[in-house]
Amino acid sequence: MAEPQNQGQEMPDFVPEYNKPDAPGIHMNFDNTVSIYHVVEEEDGFEEAAHDLFDLLKESQERFPGWPRVLYLDIDGHVRDDDRLTEDMVELQQEFLIAAMGKFFTALALPIVAVVNPDEQVNELPDELVLQPPGADLPEDTAWPKEE
């Protein structure tokens, strides 16, 4: 029988585990990272969920400026008859969180996928979240980021 790989090596007294926090909110971790955990409730729509997530992002940057952020998301309800997530909750994850907001996080742990940002996390956040109706042109005066 093979010997354990760490035999003869002294193991630390405490080996941390990276897990989703036990409760929703913003949590400082031992390694100067921030976990943001949010649950989209059954009665929450796309817009409410997007604003809640943006508010948590803003608060985490204010409380822990520049710290690496990991978003953990759960979605209650919002399931179709075929047990798949409703289109608005898929859009919340794919288009809003990954495509639009992903650069403001180090990693995202979402119901549809877990991803790591391949680039450095962006810490310069917009002042407010303005959602446009699907297919609408972005207003030139408030579009972000500004084209240079």
N, C-alpha and C. Protein backbone atom coordinates (compact mmCIF):
# COMPACT_ATOMS: atom_id res chain seq x y z
N MET A 1 0.84 -1.18 0.00
CA MET A 1 0.00 0.00 0.00
C MET A 1 0.89 1.25 0.00
N ALA A 2 0.51 2.25 -0.79
CA ALA A 2 1.30 3.48 -0.89
C ALA A 2 1.18 4.29 0.39
N GLU A 3 2.29 4.95 0.73
CA GLU A 3 2.28 5.80 1.93
C GLU A 3 1.59 7.12 1.62
N PRO A 4 0.93 7.74 2.62
CA PRO A 4 0.31 9.04 2.39
C PRO A 4 1.33 10.05 1.88
N GLN A 5 0.89 10.90 0.99
CA GLN A 5 1.78 11.86 0.32
C GLN A 5 2.45 12.81 1.31
N ASN A 6 1.79 13.19 2.38
CA ASN A 6 2.33 14.18 3.32
C ASN A 6 3.05 13.55 4.51
N GLN A 7 3.28 12.25 4.47
CA GLN A 7 3.92 11.61 5.61
C GLN A 7 5.32 12.18 5.80
N GLY A 8 5.65 12.48 7.02
CA GLY A 8 6.94 13.06 7.33
C GLY A 8 6.95 14.57 7.25
N GLN A 9 5.94 15.16 6.67
CA GLN A 9 5.82 16.61 6.59
C GLN A 9 4.87 17.08 7.68
N GLU A 10 5.22 18.18 8.30
CA GLU A 10 4.36 18.74 9.34
C GLU A 10 3.21 19.50 8.69
N MET A 11 1.99 19.19 9.06
CA MET A 11 0.81 19.83 8.52
C MET A 11 0.42 21.01 9.41
N PRO A 12 -0.13 22.06 8.83
CA PRO A 12 -0.57 23.20 9.65
C PRO A 12 -1.72 22.80 10.55
N ASP A 13 -1.87 23.53 11.67
CA ASP A 13 -2.96 23.25 12.60
C ASP A 13 -4.32 23.53 11.97
N PHE A 14 -4.37 24.50 11.08
CA PHE A 14 -5.63 24.90 10.47
C PHE A 14 -5.47 24.99 8.97
N VAL A 15 -6.28 24.26 8.25
CA VAL A 15 -6.28 24.32 6.80
C VAL A 15 -7.62 24.92 6.37
N PRO A 16 -7.60 26.16 5.85
CA PRO A 16 -8.86 26.82 5.51
C PRO A 16 -9.53 26.18 4.30
N GLU A 17 -10.86 26.30 4.25
CA GLU A 17 -11.63 25.85 3.10
C GLU A 17 -12.37 27.05 2.54
N TYR A 18 -12.39 27.15 1.23
CA TYR A 18 -13.11 28.23 0.58
C TYR A 18 -14.51 27.72 0.26
N ASN A 19 -15.49 28.27 0.94
CA ASN A 19 -16.86 27.86 0.74
C ASN A 19 -17.77 29.07 0.71
N LYS A 20 -18.94 28.84 0.17
CA LYS A 20 -19.96 29.87 0.18
C LYS A 20 -20.28 30.19 1.64
N PRO A 21 -20.46 31.46 1.97
CA PRO A 21 -20.82 31.83 3.35
C PRO A 21 -22.14 31.17 3.77
N ASP A 22 -22.34 31.07 5.07
CA ASP A 22 -23.55 30.46 5.61
C ASP A 22 -24.78 31.35 5.47
N ALA A 23 -24.56 32.65 5.39
CA ALA A 23 -25.69 33.59 5.34
C ALA A 23 -25.44 34.63 4.26
N PRO A 24 -26.50 35.12 3.63
CA PRO A 24 -26.34 36.18 2.63
C PRO A 24 -25.69 37.43 3.25
N GLY A 25 -25.01 38.19 2.40
CA GLY A 25 -24.37 39.42 2.84
C GLY A 25 -22.94 39.50 2.35
N ILE A 26 -22.19 40.40 2.96
CA ILE A 26 -20.79 40.64 2.61
C ILE A 26 -19.93 40.13 3.75
N HIS A 27 -18.97 39.28 3.42
CA HIS A 27 -18.15 38.63 4.44
C HIS A 27 -16.68 38.81 4.13
N MET A 28 -15.92 39.33 5.10
CA MET A 28 -14.48 39.45 4.98
C MET A 28 -13.87 38.09 5.29
N ASN A 29 -12.92 37.67 4.48
CA ASN A 29 -12.26 36.39 4.70
C ASN A 29 -10.86 36.58 5.27
N PHE A 30 -10.31 35.52 5.80
CA PHE A 30 -9.01 35.56 6.46
C PHE A 30 -7.89 36.02 5.53
N ASP A 31 -8.05 35.83 4.23
CA ASP A 31 -6.98 36.10 3.28
C ASP A 31 -7.18 37.42 2.53
N ASN A 32 -7.91 38.35 3.15
CA ASN A 32 -8.18 39.66 2.54
C ASN A 32 -8.93 39.54 1.22
N THR A 33 -9.85 38.59 1.15
CA THR A 33 -10.81 38.51 0.06
C THR A 33 -12.18 38.77 0.66
N VAL A 34 -13.11 39.11 -0.20
CA VAL A 34 -14.48 39.39 0.24
C VAL A 34 -15.42 38.44 -0.48
N SER A 35 -16.26 37.77 0.29
CA SER A 35 -17.31 36.94 -0.28
C SER A 35 -18.61 37.71 -0.21
N ILE A 36 -19.29 37.77 -1.35
CA ILE A 36 -20.60 38.40 -1.42
C ILE A 36 -21.58 37.28 -1.74
N TYR A 37 -22.53 37.07 -0.85
CA TYR A 37 -23.51 36.00 -1.05
C TYR A 37 -24.89 36.61 -1.12
N HIS A 38 -25.59 36.30 -2.22
CA HIS A 38 -26.95 36.82 -2.40
C HIS A 38 -27.88 35.71 -2.86
N VAL A 39 -29.10 35.76 -2.34
CA VAL A 39 -30.14 34.82 -2.76
C VAL A 39 -31.23 35.62 -3.45
N VAL A 40 -31.51 35.29 -4.70
CA VAL A 40 -32.64 35.88 -5.41
C VAL A 40 -33.87 35.09 -4.97
N GLU A 41 -34.79 35.79 -4.32
CA GLU A 41 -35.99 35.14 -3.80
C GLU A 41 -37.01 34.93 -4.92
N GLU A 42 -37.96 34.06 -4.68
CA GLU A 42 -38.96 33.71 -5.68
C GLU A 42 -39.74 34.92 -6.18
N GLU A 43 -40.00 35.88 -5.29
CA GLU A 43 -40.78 37.05 -5.66
C GLU A 43 -39.95 38.16 -6.31
N ASP A 44 -38.63 38.02 -6.35
CA ASP A 44 -37.75 39.03 -6.95
C ASP A 44 -37.74 38.88 -8.46
N GLY A 45 -37.84 40.00 -9.15
CA GLY A 45 -37.70 40.01 -10.60
C GLY A 45 -36.27 40.34 -10.99
N PHE A 46 -36.02 40.36 -12.29
CA PHE A 46 -34.70 40.66 -12.83
C PHE A 46 -34.18 42.00 -12.29
N GLU A 47 -34.99 43.06 -12.43
CA GLU A 47 -34.53 44.39 -12.06
C GLU A 47 -34.20 44.49 -10.58
N GLU A 48 -35.05 43.95 -9.72
CA GLU A 48 -34.78 43.99 -8.29
C GLU A 48 -33.51 43.22 -7.96
N ALA A 49 -33.35 42.04 -8.55
CA ALA A 49 -32.14 41.24 -8.31
C ALA A 49 -30.89 41.98 -8.78
N ALA A 50 -30.96 42.58 -9.97
CA ALA A 50 -29.81 43.32 -10.50
C ALA A 50 -29.43 44.48 -9.59
N HIS A 51 -30.41 45.23 -9.13
CA HIS A 51 -30.13 46.35 -8.23
C HIS A 51 -29.59 45.86 -6.89
N ASP A 52 -30.13 44.79 -6.35
CA ASP A 52 -29.62 44.23 -5.09
C ASP A 52 -28.16 43.82 -5.24
N LEU A 53 -27.83 43.16 -6.34
CA LEU A 53 -26.45 42.72 -6.57
C LEU A 53 -25.51 43.91 -6.75
N PHE A 54 -25.95 44.92 -7.49
CA PHE A 54 -25.14 46.12 -7.68
C PHE A 54 -24.90 46.82 -6.35
N ASP A 55 -25.94 46.93 -5.51
CA ASP A 55 -25.80 47.56 -4.20
C ASP A 55 -24.80 46.80 -3.32
N LEU A 56 -24.83 45.47 -3.37
CA LEU A 56 -23.85 44.68 -2.60
C LEU A 56 -22.44 44.91 -3.12
N LEU A 57 -22.29 44.99 -4.44
CA LEU A 57 -20.98 45.27 -5.03
C LEU A 57 -20.45 46.62 -4.57
N LYS A 58 -21.30 47.65 -4.63
CA LYS A 58 -20.89 48.99 -4.20
C LYS A 58 -20.50 49.00 -2.72
N GLU A 59 -21.33 48.37 -1.89
CA GLU A 59 -21.04 48.34 -0.45
C GLU A 59 -19.74 47.60 -0.17
N SER A 60 -19.50 46.50 -0.88
CA SER A 60 -18.26 45.75 -0.63
C SER A 60 -17.03 46.58 -1.02
N GLN A 61 -17.12 47.36 -2.10
CA GLN A 61 -16.00 48.22 -2.49
C GLN A 61 -15.79 49.34 -1.49
N GLU A 62 -16.88 49.88 -0.95
CA GLU A 62 -16.76 50.94 0.06
C GLU A 62 -16.15 50.41 1.35
N ARG A 63 -16.57 49.24 1.79
CA ARG A 63 -16.07 48.66 3.04
C ARG A 63 -14.67 48.08 2.91
N PHE A 64 -14.38 47.47 1.76
CA PHE A 64 -13.11 46.77 1.55
C PHE A 64 -12.55 47.17 0.18
N PRO A 65 -12.06 48.42 0.07
CA PRO A 65 -11.63 48.94 -1.24
C PRO A 65 -10.53 48.09 -1.88
N GLY A 66 -10.81 47.63 -3.09
CA GLY A 66 -9.80 46.92 -3.86
C GLY A 66 -9.58 45.47 -3.50
N TRP A 67 -10.25 44.98 -2.48
CA TRP A 67 -10.05 43.58 -2.11
C TRP A 67 -10.67 42.68 -3.17
N PRO A 68 -10.06 41.53 -3.46
CA PRO A 68 -10.66 40.59 -4.42
C PRO A 68 -12.05 40.16 -3.95
N ARG A 69 -13.00 40.19 -4.89
CA ARG A 69 -14.39 39.86 -4.56
C ARG A 69 -14.82 38.58 -5.27
N VAL A 70 -15.52 37.72 -4.53
CA VAL A 70 -16.13 36.51 -5.09
C VAL A 70 -17.62 36.59 -4.82
N LEU A 71 -18.42 36.47 -5.87
CA LEU A 71 -19.87 36.51 -5.73
C LEU A 71 -20.41 35.09 -5.74
N TYR A 72 -21.19 34.77 -4.71
CA TYR A 72 -21.92 33.51 -4.64
C TYR A 72 -23.39 33.85 -4.80
N LEU A 73 -24.06 33.18 -5.73
CA LEU A 73 -25.46 33.48 -6.01
C LEU A 73 -26.30 32.21 -5.94
N ASP A 74 -27.42 32.29 -5.26
CA ASP A 74 -28.43 31.24 -5.28
C ASP A 74 -29.72 31.87 -5.79
N ILE A 75 -30.54 31.06 -6.43
CA ILE A 75 -31.82 31.53 -6.95
C ILE A 75 -32.90 30.58 -6.45
N ASP A 76 -33.85 31.11 -5.68
CA ASP A 76 -34.99 30.33 -5.21
C ASP A 76 -36.15 30.50 -6.17
N GLY A 77 -36.82 29.41 -6.49
CA GLY A 77 -37.93 29.48 -7.43
C GLY A 77 -37.41 29.77 -8.82
N HIS A 78 -38.15 30.54 -9.59
CA HIS A 78 -37.76 30.92 -10.95
C HIS A 78 -37.41 29.70 -11.81
N VAL A 79 -38.19 28.63 -11.63
CA VAL A 79 -37.96 27.40 -12.37
C VAL A 79 -39.15 27.13 -13.28
N ARG A 80 -38.87 26.76 -14.52
CA ARG A 80 -39.92 26.44 -15.49
C ARG A 80 -40.42 25.01 -15.24
N ASP A 81 -41.41 24.62 -16.01
CA ASP A 81 -41.98 23.27 -15.88
C ASP A 81 -40.97 22.18 -16.17
N ASP A 82 -39.96 22.48 -17.01
CA ASP A 82 -38.94 21.48 -17.33
C ASP A 82 -37.75 21.51 -16.37
N ASP A 83 -37.94 22.16 -15.21
CA ASP A 83 -36.92 22.26 -14.15
C ASP A 83 -35.69 23.08 -14.52
N ARG A 84 -35.79 23.86 -15.57
CA ARG A 84 -34.71 24.79 -15.94
C ARG A 84 -35.06 26.17 -15.41
N LEU A 85 -34.04 26.99 -15.21
CA LEU A 85 -34.28 28.35 -14.74
C LEU A 85 -35.05 29.16 -15.78
N THR A 86 -35.86 30.10 -15.30
CA THR A 86 -36.59 30.98 -16.20
C THR A 86 -35.61 31.83 -17.00
N GLU A 87 -36.05 32.31 -18.15
CA GLU A 87 -35.19 33.10 -19.04
C GLU A 87 -34.61 34.33 -18.36
N ASP A 88 -35.40 35.01 -17.51
CA ASP A 88 -34.89 36.22 -16.87
C ASP A 88 -33.76 35.91 -15.90
N MET A 89 -33.79 34.74 -15.26
CA MET A 89 -32.71 34.38 -14.33
C MET A 89 -31.47 33.88 -15.07
N VAL A 90 -31.67 33.29 -16.25
CA VAL A 90 -30.52 32.94 -17.09
C VAL A 90 -29.88 34.23 -17.59
N GLU A 91 -30.71 35.18 -18.03
CA GLU A 91 -30.19 36.47 -18.50
C GLU A 91 -29.47 37.22 -17.38
N LEU A 92 -30.01 37.15 -16.15
CA LEU A 92 -29.36 37.80 -15.02
C LEU A 92 -27.92 37.28 -14.86
N GLN A 93 -27.74 35.99 -15.02
CA GLN A 93 -26.42 35.41 -14.84
C GLN A 93 -25.51 35.62 -16.05
N GLN A 94 -26.03 35.33 -17.24
CA GLN A 94 -25.18 35.40 -18.44
C GLN A 94 -24.90 36.83 -18.88
N GLU A 95 -25.96 37.60 -19.07
CA GLU A 95 -25.80 38.94 -19.65
C GLU A 95 -25.45 40.00 -18.62
N PHE A 96 -26.08 39.94 -17.46
CA PHE A 96 -25.82 40.97 -16.45
C PHE A 96 -24.56 40.66 -15.65
N LEU A 97 -24.50 39.49 -15.02
CA LEU A 97 -23.37 39.22 -14.13
C LEU A 97 -22.08 38.88 -14.88
N ILE A 98 -22.14 37.95 -15.81
CA ILE A 98 -20.90 37.55 -16.48
C ILE A 98 -20.46 38.61 -17.50
N ALA A 99 -21.35 38.98 -18.41
CA ALA A 99 -20.96 39.88 -19.50
C ALA A 99 -20.77 41.32 -19.06
N ALA A 100 -21.68 41.85 -18.23
CA ALA A 100 -21.60 43.27 -17.88
C ALA A 100 -20.87 43.53 -16.57
N MET A 101 -21.11 42.74 -15.55
CA MET A 101 -20.56 43.03 -14.23
C MET A 101 -19.36 42.15 -13.85
N GLY A 102 -19.08 41.15 -14.64
CA GLY A 102 -18.03 40.19 -14.29
C GLY A 102 -16.68 40.80 -14.03
N LYS A 103 -16.37 41.90 -14.72
CA LYS A 103 -15.05 42.51 -14.56
C LYS A 103 -14.84 43.12 -13.17
N PHE A 104 -15.93 43.32 -12.42
CA PHE A 104 -15.83 43.89 -11.09
C PHE A 104 -15.65 42.84 -10.00
N PHE A 105 -15.51 41.57 -10.41
CA PHE A 105 -15.33 40.46 -9.48
C PHE A 105 -14.09 39.67 -9.86
N THR A 106 -13.51 38.99 -8.89
CA THR A 106 -12.42 38.06 -9.16
C THR A 106 -12.98 36.73 -9.63
N ALA A 107 -14.13 36.35 -9.07
CA ALA A 107 -14.78 35.09 -9.46
C ALA A 107 -16.27 35.18 -9.20
N LEU A 108 -17.02 34.36 -9.94
CA LEU A 108 -18.47 34.28 -9.79
C LEU A 108 -18.85 32.82 -9.64
N ALA A 109 -19.59 32.49 -8.59
CA ALA A 109 -20.12 31.13 -8.40
C ALA A 109 -21.63 31.23 -8.55
N LEU A 110 -22.10 30.89 -9.74
CA LEU A 110 -23.50 31.07 -10.11
C LEU A 110 -24.17 29.70 -10.28
N PRO A 111 -25.49 29.64 -10.23
CA PRO A 111 -26.15 28.35 -10.45
C PRO A 111 -25.83 27.73 -11.81
N ILE A 112 -25.62 28.55 -12.85
CA ILE A 112 -25.37 27.97 -14.17
C ILE A 112 -23.89 27.68 -14.43
N VAL A 113 -22.99 28.37 -13.74
CA VAL A 113 -21.57 28.17 -13.99
C VAL A 113 -20.75 28.89 -12.91
N ALA A 114 -19.56 28.39 -12.65
CA ALA A 114 -18.60 29.10 -11.81
C ALA A 114 -17.45 29.53 -12.71
N VAL A 115 -17.11 30.83 -12.65
CA VAL A 115 -16.06 31.35 -13.53
C VAL A 115 -15.09 32.22 -12.73
N VAL A 116 -13.86 32.25 -13.22
CA VAL A 116 -12.83 33.11 -12.66
C VAL A 116 -12.52 34.18 -13.70
N ASN A 117 -12.44 35.42 -13.26
CA ASN A 117 -12.12 36.53 -14.14
C ASN A 117 -10.68 36.35 -14.62
N PRO A 118 -10.45 36.26 -15.94
CA PRO A 118 -9.09 36.07 -16.43
C PRO A 118 -8.24 37.33 -16.33
N ASP A 119 -8.89 38.47 -16.11
CA ASP A 119 -8.19 39.74 -16.00
C ASP A 119 -8.20 40.21 -14.54
N GLU A 120 -7.49 41.29 -14.30
CA GLU A 120 -7.49 41.87 -12.97
C GLU A 120 -8.86 42.50 -12.68
N GLN A 121 -9.35 42.30 -11.48
CA GLN A 121 -10.64 42.86 -11.07
C GLN A 121 -10.63 44.37 -11.20
N VAL A 122 -11.69 44.95 -11.78
CA VAL A 122 -11.83 46.39 -11.91
C VAL A 122 -12.48 46.92 -10.63
N ASN A 123 -11.89 47.96 -10.05
CA ASN A 123 -12.40 48.52 -8.80
C ASN A 123 -13.04 49.90 -8.97
N GLU A 124 -12.97 50.46 -10.17
CA GLU A 124 -13.62 51.74 -10.45
C GLU A 124 -15.05 51.44 -10.88
N LEU A 125 -15.98 51.60 -9.95
CA LEU A 125 -17.38 51.23 -10.18
C LEU A 125 -18.19 52.43 -10.67
N PRO A 126 -19.22 52.17 -11.48
CA PRO A 126 -20.11 53.27 -11.85
C PRO A 126 -20.86 53.76 -10.62
N ASP A 127 -21.33 55.00 -10.66
CA ASP A 127 -22.04 55.59 -9.53
C ASP A 127 -23.39 54.94 -9.30
N GLU A 128 -24.06 54.57 -10.40
CA GLU A 128 -25.38 53.98 -10.26
C GLU A 128 -25.61 52.96 -11.37
N LEU A 129 -26.61 52.12 -11.16
CA LEU A 129 -26.99 51.13 -12.15
C LEU A 129 -28.22 51.64 -12.88
N VAL A 130 -28.11 51.74 -14.20
CA VAL A 130 -29.24 52.15 -15.03
C VAL A 130 -29.49 51.00 -16.00
N LEU A 131 -30.65 50.38 -15.88
CA LEU A 131 -31.01 49.27 -16.76
C LEU A 131 -31.82 49.78 -17.93
N GLN A 132 -31.49 49.28 -19.10
CA GLN A 132 -32.20 49.65 -20.32
C GLN A 132 -33.15 48.53 -20.70
N PRO A 133 -34.28 48.85 -21.33
CA PRO A 133 -35.15 47.79 -21.84
C PRO A 133 -34.40 46.95 -22.88
N PRO A 134 -34.73 45.68 -23.00
CA PRO A 134 -34.04 44.83 -23.98
C PRO A 134 -34.10 45.44 -25.38
N GLY A 135 -32.98 45.47 -26.06
CA GLY A 135 -32.91 45.96 -27.42
C GLY A 135 -32.82 47.47 -27.56
N ALA A 136 -32.93 48.21 -26.46
CA ALA A 136 -32.89 49.68 -26.54
C ALA A 136 -31.44 50.15 -26.73
N ASP A 137 -31.28 51.24 -27.43
CA ASP A 137 -29.95 51.84 -27.59
C ASP A 137 -29.52 52.46 -26.28
N LEU A 138 -28.23 52.35 -26.00
CA LEU A 138 -27.70 52.98 -24.78
C LEU A 138 -27.65 54.49 -24.97
N PRO A 139 -28.04 55.24 -23.96
CA PRO A 139 -27.96 56.70 -24.07
C PRO A 139 -26.50 57.14 -24.08
N GLU A 140 -26.17 58.04 -24.96
CA GLU A 140 -24.79 58.50 -25.11
C GLU A 140 -24.26 59.20 -23.86
N ASP A 141 -25.09 59.99 -23.21
CA ASP A 141 -24.61 60.81 -22.09
C ASP A 141 -24.38 60.00 -20.82
N THR A 142 -25.03 58.86 -20.65
CA THR A 142 -24.84 58.09 -19.40
C THR A 142 -24.20 56.74 -19.63
N ALA A 143 -23.83 56.41 -20.85
CA ALA A 143 -23.23 55.11 -21.14
C ALA A 143 -21.91 54.97 -20.35
N TRP A 144 -21.65 53.77 -19.86
CA TRP A 144 -20.43 53.53 -19.10
C TRP A 144 -19.90 52.17 -19.51
N PRO A 145 -18.63 51.98 -19.68
CA PRO A 145 -17.58 52.99 -19.54
C PRO A 145 -17.57 53.95 -20.72
N LYS A 146 -17.03 55.11 -20.49
CA LYS A 146 -16.97 56.14 -21.51
C LYS A 146 -16.00 55.73 -22.61
N GLU A 147 -16.40 55.94 -23.84
CA GLU A 147 -15.52 55.68 -24.98
C GLU A 147 -14.51 56.83 -25.04
N GLU A 148 -13.26 56.51 -25.27
CA GLU A 148 -12.24 57.55 -25.34
C GLU A 148 -11.74 57.73 -26.75
